[in-house]
Amino acid sequence: MPQTTQPDSCLDLSGLHCPAPLIRCLATLHRLPVGNRLHVTVSNRDALNDIALMLRRGPHHLLDWWQDSDGHCHFHIRKAISTRPRARLTRSWVQFILQRLGWQRPIGQLSAG
């Protein structure tokens, strides 16, 4: 475990398949106070990609990551202050998850903007 500081919360998502790890990670981050650190463990390659994409696109900060000898990937994430309004952030994550599941947006529903 390369990170020397202890996380405030730990989340083991090993064995779960998409989109459950991403949704549980987002829900846990939502409940944490701003600035807290979360340690997330995943074993699924798709979950690894989804969480990495979330960290690139979202406001949260990746502090450290590594892969252990069993193939599990570990992330240390710090919850950030969002600069966007909450309703817009929620709608964009819902659209992201639905798009990841391959669902199409019905015409006239949830207009972008």
PDB file of N, CA and C in Angstrom:
ATOM      1  N   MET A   1       0.842  -1.175   0.000  1.00  0.00           N
ATOM      2  CA  MET A   1       0.000   0.000   0.000  1.00  0.00           C
ATOM      3  C   MET A   1       0.890   1.242   0.000  1.00  0.00           C
ATOM      4  N   PRO A   2       1.068   1.900  -1.144  1.00  0.00           N
ATOM      5  CA  PRO A   2       1.974   3.032  -1.265  1.00  0.00           C
ATOM      6  C   PRO A   2       1.570   4.275  -0.474  1.00  0.00           C
ATOM      7  N   GLN A   3       0.283   4.535  -0.323  1.00  0.00           N
ATOM      8  CA  GLN A   3      -0.173   5.743   0.360  1.00  0.00           C
ATOM      9  C   GLN A   3       0.080   5.618   1.856  1.00  0.00           C
ATOM     10  N   THR A   4       0.726   6.622   2.470  1.00  0.00           N
ATOM     11  CA  THR A   4       1.043   6.544   3.892  1.00  0.00           C
ATOM     12  C   THR A   4      -0.091   7.072   4.770  1.00  0.00           C
ATOM     13  N   THR A   5      -0.891   8.014   4.281  1.00  0.00           N
ATOM     14  CA  THR A   5      -1.997   8.522   5.084  1.00  0.00           C
ATOM     15  C   THR A   5      -3.180   7.566   4.991  1.00  0.00           C
ATOM     16  N   GLN A   6      -3.874   7.413   6.101  1.00  0.00           N
ATOM     17  CA  GLN A   6      -5.018   6.514   6.148  1.00  0.00           C
ATOM     18  C   GLN A   6      -6.251   7.189   5.540  1.00  0.00           C
ATOM     19  N   PRO A   7      -7.027   6.439   4.731  1.00  0.00           N
ATOM     20  CA  PRO A   7      -8.258   7.012   4.182  1.00  0.00           C
ATOM     21  C   PRO A   7      -9.320   7.133   5.272  1.00  0.00           C
ATOM     22  N   ASP A   8     -10.290   8.021   5.056  1.00  0.00           N
ATOM     23  CA  ASP A   8     -11.390   8.188   5.996  1.00  0.00           C
ATOM     24  C   ASP A   8     -12.411   7.064   5.869  1.00  0.00           C
ATOM     25  N   SER A   9     -12.554   6.499   4.647  1.00  0.00           N
ATOM     26  CA  SER A   9     -13.500   5.413   4.382  1.00  0.00           C
ATOM     27  C   SER A   9     -12.882   4.441   3.394  1.00  0.00           C
ATOM     28  N   CYS A  10     -13.308   3.183   3.485  1.00  0.00           N
ATOM     29  CA  CYS A  10     -12.857   2.148   2.544  1.00  0.00           C
ATOM     30  C   CYS A  10     -14.067   1.527   1.872  1.00  0.00           C
ATOM     31  N   LEU A  11     -13.922   1.203   0.594  1.00  0.00           N
ATOM     32  CA  LEU A  11     -14.999   0.614  -0.180  1.00  0.00           C
ATOM     33  C   LEU A  11     -14.418  -0.522  -1.002  1.00  0.00           C
ATOM     34  N   ASP A  12     -14.826  -1.761  -0.713  1.00  0.00           N
ATOM     35  CA  ASP A  12     -14.340  -2.921  -1.450  1.00  0.00           C
ATOM     36  C   ASP A  12     -15.397  -3.326  -2.469  1.00  0.00           C
ATOM     37  N   LEU A  13     -15.091  -3.111  -3.743  1.00  0.00           N
ATOM     38  CA  LEU A  13     -16.019  -3.418  -4.828  1.00  0.00           C
ATOM     39  C   LEU A  13     -15.539  -4.618  -5.637  1.00  0.00           C
ATOM     40  N   SER A  14     -14.696  -5.442  -5.052  1.00  0.00           N
ATOM     41  CA  SER A  14     -14.168  -6.623  -5.728  1.00  0.00           C
ATOM     42  C   SER A  14     -15.304  -7.587  -6.054  1.00  0.00           C
ATOM     43  N   GLY A  15     -15.271  -8.123  -7.245  1.00  0.00           N
ATOM     44  CA  GLY A  15     -16.258  -9.110  -7.657  1.00  0.00           C
ATOM     45  C   GLY A  15     -17.527  -8.536  -8.243  1.00  0.00           C
ATOM     46  N   LEU A  16     -17.727  -7.222  -8.151  1.00  0.00           N
ATOM     47  CA  LEU A  16     -18.926  -6.612  -8.720  1.00  0.00           C
ATOM     48  C   LEU A  16     -18.686  -6.282 -10.187  1.00  0.00           C
ATOM     49  N   HIS A  17     -19.753  -6.337 -10.972  1.00  0.00           N
ATOM     50  CA  HIS A  17     -19.665  -6.043 -12.399  1.00  0.00           C
ATOM     51  C   HIS A  17     -20.409  -4.753 -12.707  1.00  0.00           C
ATOM     52  N   CYS A  18     -20.061  -4.144 -13.830  1.00  0.00           N
ATOM     53  CA  CYS A  18     -20.613  -2.854 -14.235  1.00  0.00           C
ATOM     54  C   CYS A  18     -22.133  -2.916 -14.327  1.00  0.00           C
ATOM     55  N   PRO A  19     -22.772  -1.839 -13.980  1.00  0.00           N
ATOM     56  CA  PRO A  19     -22.285  -0.545 -13.521  1.00  0.00           C
ATOM     57  C   PRO A  19     -22.256  -0.411 -11.993  1.00  0.00           C
ATOM     58  N   ALA A  20     -22.443  -1.499 -11.270  1.00  0.00           N
ATOM     59  CA  ALA A  20     -22.543  -1.447  -9.800  1.00  0.00           C
ATOM     60  C   ALA A  20     -21.345  -0.777  -9.129  1.00  0.00           C
ATOM     61  N   PRO A  21     -20.084  -1.069  -9.499  1.00  0.00           N
ATOM     62  CA  PRO A  21     -18.965  -0.402  -8.820  1.00  0.00           C
ATOM     63  C   PRO A  21     -18.973   1.116  -8.985  1.00  0.00           C
ATOM     64  N   LEU A  22     -19.276   1.580 -10.166  1.00  0.00           N
ATOM     65  CA  LEU A  22     -19.316   3.019 -10.415  1.00  0.00           C
ATOM     66  C   LEU A  22     -20.423   3.680  -9.605  1.00  0.00           C
ATOM     67  N   ILE A  23     -21.596   3.076  -9.610  1.00  0.00           N
ATOM     68  CA  ILE A  23     -22.735   3.654  -8.889  1.00  0.00           C
ATOM     69  C   ILE A  23     -22.467   3.671  -7.393  1.00  0.00           C
ATOM     70  N   ARG A  24     -21.908   2.592  -6.854  1.00  0.00           N
ATOM     71  CA  ARG A  24     -21.617   2.549  -5.413  1.00  0.00           C
ATOM     72  C   ARG A  24     -20.511   3.530  -5.031  1.00  0.00           C
ATOM     73  N   CYS A  25     -19.526   3.684  -5.900  1.00  0.00           N
ATOM     74  CA  CYS A  25     -18.457   4.651  -5.639  1.00  0.00           C
ATOM     75  C   CYS A  25     -19.012   6.068  -5.620  1.00  0.00           C
ATOM     76  N   LEU A  26     -19.855   6.402  -6.583  1.00  0.00           N
ATOM     77  CA  LEU A  26     -20.465   7.729  -6.626  1.00  0.00           C
ATOM     78  C   LEU A  26     -21.355   7.974  -5.417  1.00  0.00           C
ATOM     79  N   ALA A  27     -22.131   6.975  -5.022  1.00  0.00           N
ATOM     80  CA  ALA A  27     -23.016   7.131  -3.862  1.00  0.00           C
ATOM     81  C   ALA A  27     -22.206   7.344  -2.586  1.00  0.00           C
ATOM     82  N   THR A  28     -21.117   6.617  -2.443  1.00  0.00           N
ATOM     83  CA  THR A  28     -20.272   6.771  -1.260  1.00  0.00           C
ATOM     84  C   THR A  28     -19.617   8.146  -1.241  1.00  0.00           C
ATOM     85  N   LEU A  29     -19.109   8.597  -2.381  1.00  0.00           N
ATOM     86  CA  LEU A  29     -18.509   9.928  -2.450  1.00  0.00           C
ATOM     87  C   LEU A  29     -19.535  11.013  -2.136  1.00  0.00           C
ATOM     88  N   HIS A  30     -20.761  10.797  -2.565  1.00  0.00           N
ATOM     89  CA  HIS A  30     -21.819  11.774  -2.315  1.00  0.00           C
ATOM     90  C   HIS A  30     -22.069  11.917  -0.812  1.00  0.00           C
ATOM     91  N   ARG A  31     -21.998  10.818  -0.067  1.00  0.00           N
ATOM     92  CA  ARG A  31     -22.268  10.842   1.375  1.00  0.00           C
ATOM     93  C   ARG A  31     -21.095  11.380   2.197  1.00  0.00           C
ATOM     94  N   LEU A  32     -19.883  11.343   1.659  1.00  0.00           N
ATOM     95  CA  LEU A  32     -18.706  11.792   2.408  1.00  0.00           C
ATOM     96  C   LEU A  32     -18.658  13.316   2.506  1.00  0.00           C
ATOM     97  N   PRO A  33     -18.136  13.839   3.603  1.00  0.00           N
ATOM     98  CA  PRO A  33     -17.904  15.282   3.694  1.00  0.00           C
ATOM     99  C   PRO A  33     -16.795  15.712   2.714  1.00  0.00           C
ATOM    100  N   VAL A  34     -16.842  16.960   2.301  1.00  0.00           N
ATOM    101  CA  VAL A  34     -15.848  17.499   1.379  1.00  0.00           C
ATOM    102  C   VAL A  34     -14.459  17.376   1.993  1.00  0.00           C
ATOM    103  N   GLY A  35     -13.491  16.929   1.201  1.00  0.00           N
ATOM    104  CA  GLY A  35     -12.112  16.798   1.653  1.00  0.00           C
ATOM    105  C   GLY A  35     -11.755  15.430   2.210  1.00  0.00           C
ATOM    106  N   ASN A  36     -12.744  14.583   2.498  1.00  0.00           N
ATOM    107  CA  ASN A  36     -12.454  13.244   3.006  1.00  0.00           C
ATOM    108  C   ASN A  36     -11.841  12.368   1.924  1.00  0.00           C
ATOM    109  N   ARG A  37     -11.090  11.356   2.373  1.00  0.00           N
ATOM    110  CA  ARG A  37     -10.417  10.437   1.448  1.00  0.00           C
ATOM    111  C   ARG A  37     -11.124   9.090   1.459  1.00  0.00           C
ATOM    112  N   LEU A  38     -11.267   8.503   0.269  1.00  0.00           N
ATOM    113  CA  LEU A  38     -11.918   7.217   0.094  1.00  0.00           C
ATOM    114  C   LEU A  38     -10.946   6.254  -0.563  1.00  0.00           C
ATOM    115  N   HIS A  39     -10.820   5.047  -0.014  1.00  0.00           N
ATOM    116  CA  HIS A  39     -10.012   3.985  -0.610  1.00  0.00           C
ATOM    117  C   HIS A  39     -10.971   3.022  -1.286  1.00  0.00           C
ATOM    118  N   VAL A  40     -10.837   2.859  -2.604  1.00  0.00           N
ATOM    119  CA  VAL A  40     -11.706   1.985  -3.389  1.00  0.00           C
ATOM    120  C   VAL A  40     -10.875   0.839  -3.956  1.00  0.00           C
ATOM    121  N   THR A  41     -11.394  -0.395  -3.826  1.00  0.00           N
ATOM    122  CA  THR A  41     -10.745  -1.579  -4.385  1.00  0.00           C
ATOM    123  C   THR A  41     -11.668  -2.198  -5.416  1.00  0.00           C
ATOM    124  N   VAL A  42     -11.155  -2.439  -6.629  1.00  0.00           N
ATOM    125  CA  VAL A  42     -11.932  -3.094  -7.690  1.00  0.00           C
ATOM    126  C   VAL A  42     -11.127  -4.236  -8.281  1.00  0.00           C
ATOM    127  N   SER A  43     -11.846  -5.234  -8.800  1.00  0.00           N
ATOM    128  CA  SER A  43     -11.174  -6.365  -9.434  1.00  0.00           C
ATOM    129  C   SER A  43     -11.564  -6.508 -10.899  1.00  0.00           C
ATOM    130  N   ASN A  44     -12.637  -5.901 -11.298  1.00  0.00           N
ATOM    131  CA  ASN A  44     -13.159  -6.008 -12.654  1.00  0.00           C
ATOM    132  C   ASN A  44     -12.497  -4.956 -13.553  1.00  0.00           C
ATOM    133  N   ARG A  45     -12.033  -5.356 -14.716  1.00  0.00           N
ATOM    134  CA  ARG A  45     -11.353  -4.443 -15.647  1.00  0.00           C
ATOM    135  C   ARG A  45     -12.277  -3.307 -16.094  1.00  0.00           C
ATOM    136  N   ASP A  46     -13.552  -3.607 -16.335  1.00  0.00           N
ATOM    137  CA  ASP A  46     -14.495  -2.562 -16.735  1.00  0.00           C
ATOM    138  C   ASP A  46     -14.721  -1.559 -15.616  1.00  0.00           C
ATOM    139  N   ALA A  47     -14.787  -2.044 -14.377  1.00  0.00           N
ATOM    140  CA  ALA A  47     -14.954  -1.146 -13.233  1.00  0.00           C
ATOM    141  C   ALA A  47     -13.745  -0.227 -13.105  1.00  0.00           C
ATOM    142  N   LEU A  48     -12.574  -0.775 -13.333  1.00  0.00           N
ATOM    143  CA  LEU A  48     -11.345   0.027 -13.310  1.00  0.00           C
ATOM    144  C   LEU A  48     -11.434   1.164 -14.324  1.00  0.00           C
ATOM    145  N   ASN A  49     -11.859   0.854 -15.534  1.00  0.00           N
ATOM    146  CA  ASN A  49     -11.985   1.875 -16.579  1.00  0.00           C
ATOM    147  C   ASN A  49     -13.050   2.906 -16.241  1.00  0.00           C
ATOM    148  N   ASP A  50     -14.185   2.450 -15.696  1.00  0.00           N
ATOM    149  CA  ASP A  50     -15.275   3.377 -15.357  1.00  0.00           C
ATOM    150  C   ASP A  50     -14.869   4.351 -14.260  1.00  0.00           C
ATOM    151  N   ILE A  51     -14.216   3.847 -13.228  1.00  0.00           N
ATOM    152  CA  ILE A  51     -13.807   4.729 -12.129  1.00  0.00           C
ATOM    153  C   ILE A  51     -12.711   5.687 -12.581  1.00  0.00           C
ATOM    154  N   ALA A  52     -11.794   5.202 -13.407  1.00  0.00           N
ATOM    155  CA  ALA A  52     -10.757   6.090 -13.940  1.00  0.00           C
ATOM    156  C   ALA A  52     -11.380   7.194 -14.797  1.00  0.00           C
ATOM    157  N   LEU A  53     -12.366   6.856 -15.606  1.00  0.00           N
ATOM    158  CA  LEU A  53     -13.051   7.851 -16.433  1.00  0.00           C
ATOM    159  C   LEU A  53     -13.803   8.856 -15.553  1.00  0.00           C
ATOM    160  N   MET A  54     -14.460   8.369 -14.495  1.00  0.00           N
ATOM    161  CA  MET A  54     -15.169   9.252 -13.576  1.00  0.00           C
ATOM    162  C   MET A  54     -14.205  10.263 -12.958  1.00  0.00           C
ATOM    163  N   LEU A  55     -13.018   9.793 -12.581  1.00  0.00           N
ATOM    164  CA  LEU A  55     -12.046  10.685 -11.944  1.00  0.00           C
ATOM    165  C   LEU A  55     -11.480  11.706 -12.933  1.00  0.00           C
ATOM    166  N   ARG A  56     -11.360  11.325 -14.204  1.00  0.00           N
ATOM    167  CA  ARG A  56     -10.884  12.284 -15.203  1.00  0.00           C
ATOM    168  C   ARG A  56     -11.918  13.351 -15.491  1.00  0.00           C
ATOM    169  N   ARG A  57     -13.203  12.979 -15.516  1.00  0.00           N
ATOM    170  CA  ARG A  57     -14.268  13.902 -15.889  1.00  0.00           C
ATOM    171  C   ARG A  57     -14.854  14.665 -14.705  1.00  0.00           C
ATOM    172  N   GLY A  58     -14.795  14.081 -13.516  1.00  0.00           N
ATOM    173  CA  GLY A  58     -15.471  14.663 -12.366  1.00  0.00           C
ATOM    174  C   GLY A  58     -14.598  15.596 -11.560  1.00  0.00           C
ATOM    175  N   PRO A  59     -15.174  16.149 -10.515  1.00  0.00           N
ATOM    176  CA  PRO A  59     -14.445  17.118  -9.699  1.00  0.00           C
ATOM    177  C   PRO A  59     -13.534  16.486  -8.648  1.00  0.00           C
ATOM    178  N   HIS A  60     -13.628  15.179  -8.411  1.00  0.00           N
ATOM    179  CA  HIS A  60     -12.863  14.537  -7.345  1.00  0.00           C
ATOM    180  C   HIS A  60     -11.407  14.317  -7.774  1.00  0.00           C
ATOM    181  N   HIS A  61     -10.513  14.208  -6.784  1.00  0.00           N
ATOM    182  CA  HIS A  61      -9.084  14.134  -7.063  1.00  0.00           C
ATOM    183  C   HIS A  61      -8.540  12.726  -6.790  1.00  0.00           C
ATOM    184  N   LEU A  62      -7.791  12.204  -7.739  1.00  0.00           N
ATOM    185  CA  LEU A  62      -7.095  10.931  -7.549  1.00  0.00           C
ATOM    186  C   LEU A  62      -5.785  11.234  -6.838  1.00  0.00           C
ATOM    187  N   LEU A  63      -5.639  10.713  -5.618  1.00  0.00           N
ATOM    188  CA  LEU A  63      -4.423  10.935  -4.841  1.00  0.00           C
ATOM    189  C   LEU A  63      -3.354   9.899  -5.169  1.00  0.00           C
ATOM    190  N   ASP A  64      -3.779   8.653  -5.372  1.00  0.00           N
ATOM    191  CA  ASP A  64      -2.835   7.565  -5.621  1.00  0.00           C
ATOM    192  C   ASP A  64      -3.607   6.362  -6.138  1.00  0.00           C
ATOM    193  N   TRP A  65      -2.933   5.498  -6.870  1.00  0.00           N
ATOM    194  CA  TRP A  65      -3.529   4.227  -7.285  1.00  0.00           C
ATOM    195  C   TRP A  65      -2.413   3.217  -7.471  1.00  0.00           C
ATOM    196  N   TRP A  66      -2.745   1.944  -7.353  1.00  0.00           N
ATOM    197  CA  TRP A  66      -1.783   0.864  -7.570  1.00  0.00           C
ATOM    198  C   TRP A  66      -2.528  -0.433  -7.789  1.00  0.00           C
ATOM    199  N   GLN A  67      -1.813  -1.419  -8.303  1.00  0.00           N
ATOM    200  CA  GLN A  67      -2.373  -2.748  -8.523  1.00  0.00           C
ATOM    201  C   GLN A  67      -1.579  -3.739  -7.683  1.00  0.00           C
ATOM    202  N   ASP A  68      -2.287  -4.591  -6.942  1.00  0.00           N
ATOM    203  CA  ASP A  68      -1.590  -5.560  -6.102  1.00  0.00           C
ATOM    204  C   ASP A  68      -1.313  -6.849  -6.875  1.00  0.00           C
ATOM    205  N   SER A  69      -0.680  -7.810  -6.230  1.00  0.00           N
ATOM    206  CA  SER A  69      -0.282  -9.051  -6.897  1.00  0.00           C
ATOM    207  C   SER A  69      -1.469  -9.917  -7.292  1.00  0.00           C
ATOM    208  N   ASP A  70      -2.645  -9.704  -6.679  1.00  0.00           N
ATOM    209  CA  ASP A  70      -3.850 -10.471  -7.029  1.00  0.00           C
ATOM    210  C   ASP A  70      -4.595  -9.874  -8.216  1.00  0.00           C
ATOM    211  N   GLY A  71      -4.145  -8.750  -8.722  1.00  0.00           N
ATOM    212  CA  GLY A  71      -4.803  -8.097  -9.848  1.00  0.00           C
ATOM    213  C   GLY A  71      -5.850  -7.073  -9.438  1.00  0.00           C
ATOM    214  N   HIS A  72      -6.038  -6.841  -8.153  1.00  0.00           N
ATOM    215  CA  HIS A  72      -6.986  -5.837  -7.690  1.00  0.00           C
ATOM    216  C   HIS A  72      -6.356  -4.449  -7.821  1.00  0.00           C
ATOM    217  N   CYS A  73      -7.149  -3.491  -8.262  1.00  0.00           N
ATOM    218  CA  CYS A  73      -6.681  -2.107  -8.361  1.00  0.00           C
ATOM    219  C   CYS A  73      -7.244  -1.313  -7.187  1.00  0.00           C
ATOM    220  N   HIS A  74      -6.419  -0.445  -6.650  1.00  0.00           N
ATOM    221  CA  HIS A  74      -6.777   0.370  -5.485  1.00  0.00           C
ATOM    222  C   HIS A  74      -6.654   1.842  -5.865  1.00  0.00           C
ATOM    223  N   PHE A  75      -7.656   2.622  -5.464  1.00  0.00           N
ATOM    224  CA  PHE A  75      -7.668   4.063  -5.698  1.00  0.00           C
ATOM    225  C   PHE A  75      -7.786   4.777  -4.364  1.00  0.00           C
ATOM    226  N   HIS A  76      -7.045   5.871  -4.200  1.00  0.00           N
ATOM    227  CA  HIS A  76      -7.249   6.799  -3.089  1.00  0.00           C
ATOM    228  C   HIS A  76      -7.809   8.063  -3.721  1.00  0.00           C
ATOM    229  N   ILE A  77      -9.026   8.413  -3.323  1.00  0.00           N
ATOM    230  CA  ILE A  77      -9.752   9.533  -3.916  1.00  0.00           C
ATOM    231  C   ILE A  77     -10.061  10.547  -2.823  1.00  0.00           C
ATOM    232  N   ARG A  78      -9.891  11.834  -3.134  1.00  0.00           N
ATOM    233  CA  ARG A  78     -10.301  12.889  -2.207  1.00  0.00           C
ATOM    234  C   ARG A  78     -11.518  13.593  -2.789  1.00  0.00           C
ATOM    235  N   LYS A  79     -12.576  13.692  -1.986  1.00  0.00           N
ATOM    236  CA  LYS A  79     -13.796  14.354  -2.449  1.00  0.00           C
ATOM    237  C   LYS A  79     -13.539  15.851  -2.587  1.00  0.00           C
ATOM    238  N   ALA A  80     -13.959  16.404  -3.706  1.00  0.00           N
ATOM    239  CA  ALA A  80     -13.739  17.826  -4.004  1.00  0.00           C
ATOM    240  C   ALA A  80     -15.031  18.615  -3.869  1.00  0.00           C
ATOM    241  N   ILE A  81     -14.869  19.915  -3.818  1.00  0.00           N
ATOM    242  CA  ILE A  81     -16.015  20.816  -3.838  1.00  0.00           C
ATOM    243  C   ILE A  81     -16.440  20.967  -5.290  1.00  0.00           C
ATOM    244  N   SER A  82     -17.706  20.779  -5.539  1.00  0.00           N
ATOM    245  CA  SER A  82     -18.209  20.909  -6.899  1.00  0.00           C
ATOM    246  C   SER A  82     -18.368  22.379  -7.252  1.00  0.00           C
ATOM    247  N   THR A  83     -17.982  22.740  -8.466  1.00  0.00           N
ATOM    248  CA  THR A  83     -18.144  24.114  -8.928  1.00  0.00           C
ATOM    249  C   THR A  83     -19.413  24.272  -9.744  1.00  0.00           C
ATOM    250  N   ARG A  84     -20.086  23.156 -10.028  1.00  0.00           N
ATOM    251  CA  ARG A  84     -21.321  23.207 -10.809  1.00  0.00           C
ATOM    252  C   ARG A  84     -22.524  23.054  -9.885  1.00  0.00           C
ATOM    253  N   PRO A  85     -23.682  23.559 -10.298  1.00  0.00           N
ATOM    254  CA  PRO A  85     -24.888  23.371  -9.490  1.00  0.00           C
ATOM    255  C   PRO A  85     -25.223  21.890  -9.344  1.00  0.00           C
ATOM    256  N   ARG A  86     -25.790  21.510  -8.221  1.00  0.00           N
ATOM    257  CA  ARG A  86     -26.084  20.108  -7.928  1.00  0.00           C
ATOM    258  C   ARG A  86     -27.028  19.480  -8.948  1.00  0.00           C
ATOM    259  N   ALA A  87     -28.096  20.161  -9.329  1.00  0.00           N
ATOM    260  CA  ALA A  87     -29.058  19.572 -10.270  1.00  0.00           C
ATOM    261  C   ALA A  87     -28.375  19.250 -11.598  1.00  0.00           C
ATOM    262  N   ARG A  88     -27.517  20.122 -12.067  1.00  0.00           N
ATOM    263  CA  ARG A  88     -26.824  19.874 -13.330  1.00  0.00           C
ATOM    264  C   ARG A  88     -25.865  18.696 -13.192  1.00  0.00           C
ATOM    265  N   LEU A  89     -25.150  18.610 -12.071  1.00  0.00           N
ATOM    266  CA  LEU A  89     -24.228  17.506 -11.842  1.00  0.00           C
ATOM    267  C   LEU A  89     -24.978  16.175 -11.800  1.00  0.00           C
ATOM    268  N   THR A  90     -26.113  16.124 -11.101  1.00  0.00           N
ATOM    269  CA  THR A  90     -26.898  14.896 -11.006  1.00  0.00           C
ATOM    270  C   THR A  90     -27.390  14.479 -12.378  1.00  0.00           C
ATOM    271  N   ARG A  91     -27.902  15.418 -13.143  1.00  0.00           N
ATOM    272  CA  ARG A  91     -28.425  15.080 -14.468  1.00  0.00           C
ATOM    273  C   ARG A  91     -27.309  14.566 -15.368  1.00  0.00           C
ATOM    274  N   SER A  92     -26.127  15.166 -15.312  1.00  0.00           N
ATOM    275  CA  SER A  92     -25.044  14.718 -16.192  1.00  0.00           C
ATOM    276  C   SER A  92     -24.580  13.318 -15.812  1.00  0.00           C
ATOM    277  N   TRP A  93     -24.554  12.973 -14.499  1.00  0.00           N
ATOM    278  CA  TRP A  93     -24.149  11.618 -14.103  1.00  0.00           C
ATOM    279  C   TRP A  93     -25.201  10.596 -14.490  1.00  0.00           C
ATOM    280  N   VAL A  94     -26.473  10.976 -14.407  1.00  0.00           N
ATOM    281  CA  VAL A  94     -27.530  10.066 -14.839  1.00  0.00           C
ATOM    282  C   VAL A  94     -27.384   9.794 -16.330  1.00  0.00           C
ATOM    283  N   GLN A  95     -27.162  10.826 -17.105  1.00  0.00           N
ATOM    284  CA  GLN A  95     -26.976  10.648 -18.542  1.00  0.00           C
ATOM    285  C   GLN A  95     -25.743   9.807 -18.832  1.00  0.00           C
ATOM    286  N   PHE A  96     -24.656  10.021 -18.087  1.00  0.00           N
ATOM    287  CA  PHE A  96     -23.436   9.247 -18.281  1.00  0.00           C
ATOM    288  C   PHE A  96     -23.688   7.759 -18.023  1.00  0.00           C
ATOM    289  N   ILE A  97     -24.376   7.449 -16.929  1.00  0.00           N
ATOM    290  CA  ILE A  97     -24.631   6.051 -16.578  1.00  0.00           C
ATOM    291  C   ILE A  97     -25.556   5.407 -17.594  1.00  0.00           C
ATOM    292  N   LEU A  98     -26.608   6.126 -18.010  1.00  0.00           N
ATOM    293  CA  LEU A  98     -27.510   5.563 -19.016  1.00  0.00           C
ATOM    294  C   LEU A  98     -26.800   5.344 -20.344  1.00  0.00           C
ATOM    295  N   GLN A  99     -25.932   6.254 -20.718  1.00  0.00           N
ATOM    296  CA  GLN A  99     -25.172   6.100 -21.947  1.00  0.00           C
ATOM    297  C   GLN A  99     -24.241   4.900 -21.846  1.00  0.00           C
ATOM    298  N   ARG A 100     -23.614   4.713 -20.680  1.00  0.00           N
ATOM    299  CA  ARG A 100     -22.710   3.577 -20.455  1.00  0.00           C
ATOM    300  C   ARG A 100     -23.466   2.257 -20.557  1.00  0.00           C
ATOM    301  N   LEU A 101     -24.737   2.266 -20.125  1.00  0.00           N
ATOM    302  CA  LEU A 101     -25.563   1.065 -20.230  1.00  0.00           C
ATOM    303  C   LEU A 101     -26.081   0.835 -21.644  1.00  0.00           C
ATOM    304  N   GLY A 102     -25.900   1.827 -22.508  1.00  0.00           N
ATOM    305  CA  GLY A 102     -26.340   1.695 -23.895  1.00  0.00           C
ATOM    306  C   GLY A 102     -27.777   2.116 -24.120  1.00  0.00           C
ATOM    307  N   TRP A 103     -28.376   2.803 -23.146  1.00  0.00           N
ATOM    308  CA  TRP A 103     -29.753   3.246 -23.298  1.00  0.00           C
ATOM    309  C   TRP A 103     -29.776   4.570 -24.035  1.00  0.00           C
ATOM    310  N   GLN A 104     -30.714   4.701 -24.931  1.00  0.00           N
ATOM    311  CA  GLN A 104     -30.854   5.932 -25.693  1.00  0.00           C
ATOM    312  C   GLN A 104     -31.833   6.863 -24.998  1.00  0.00           C
ATOM    313  N   ARG A 105     -31.586   8.141 -25.100  1.00  0.00           N
ATOM    314  CA  ARG A 105     -32.472   9.147 -24.522  1.00  0.00           C
ATOM    315  C   ARG A 105     -33.682   9.305 -25.435  1.00  0.00           C
ATOM    316  N   PRO A 106     -34.908   9.210 -24.882  1.00  0.00           N
ATOM    317  CA  PRO A 106     -36.100   9.420 -25.696  1.00  0.00           C
ATOM    318  C   PRO A 106     -36.138  10.845 -26.234  1.00  0.00           C
ATOM    319  N   ILE A 107     -36.647  11.019 -27.437  1.00  0.00           N
ATOM    320  CA  ILE A 107     -36.733  12.343 -28.045  1.00  0.00           C
ATOM    321  C   ILE A 107     -37.652  13.219 -27.199  1.00  0.00           C
ATOM    322  N   GLY A 108     -37.183  14.432 -26.891  1.00  0.00           N
ATOM    323  CA  GLY A 108     -37.970  15.371 -26.108  1.00  0.00           C
ATOM    324  C   GLY A 108     -37.799  15.216 -24.603  1.00  0.00           C
ATOM    325  N   GLN A 109     -36.981  14.289 -24.154  1.00  0.00           N
ATOM    326  CA  GLN A 109     -36.764  14.069 -22.727  1.00  0.00           C
ATOM    327  C   GLN A 109     -35.385  14.542 -22.329  1.00  0.00           C
ATOM    328  N   LEU A 110     -35.225  15.118 -21.151  1.00  0.00           N
ATOM    329  CA  LEU A 110     -33.930  15.545 -20.597  1.00  0.00           C
ATOM    330  C   LEU A 110     -33.093  16.313 -21.612  1.00  0.00           C
ATOM    331  N   SER A 111     -33.584  17.441 -22.043  1.00  0.00           N
ATOM    332  CA  SER A 111     -32.834  18.213 -23.018  1.00  0.00           C
ATOM    333  C   SER A 111     -31.500  18.648 -22.428  1.00  0.00           C
ATOM    334  N   ALA A 112     -30.493  18.665 -23.281  1.00  0.00           N
ATOM    335  CA  ALA A 112     -29.138  19.039 -22.829  1.00  0.00           C
ATOM    336  C   ALA A 112     -29.104  20.536 -22.565  1.00  0.00           C
ATOM    337  N   GLY A 113     -28.338  20.905 -21.530  1.00  0.00           N
ATOM    338  CA  GLY A 113     -28.169  22.337 -21.276  1.00  0.00           C
ATOM    339  C   GLY A 113     -28.436  22.725 -19.919  1.00  0.00           C
TER     340      GLY A 113
END
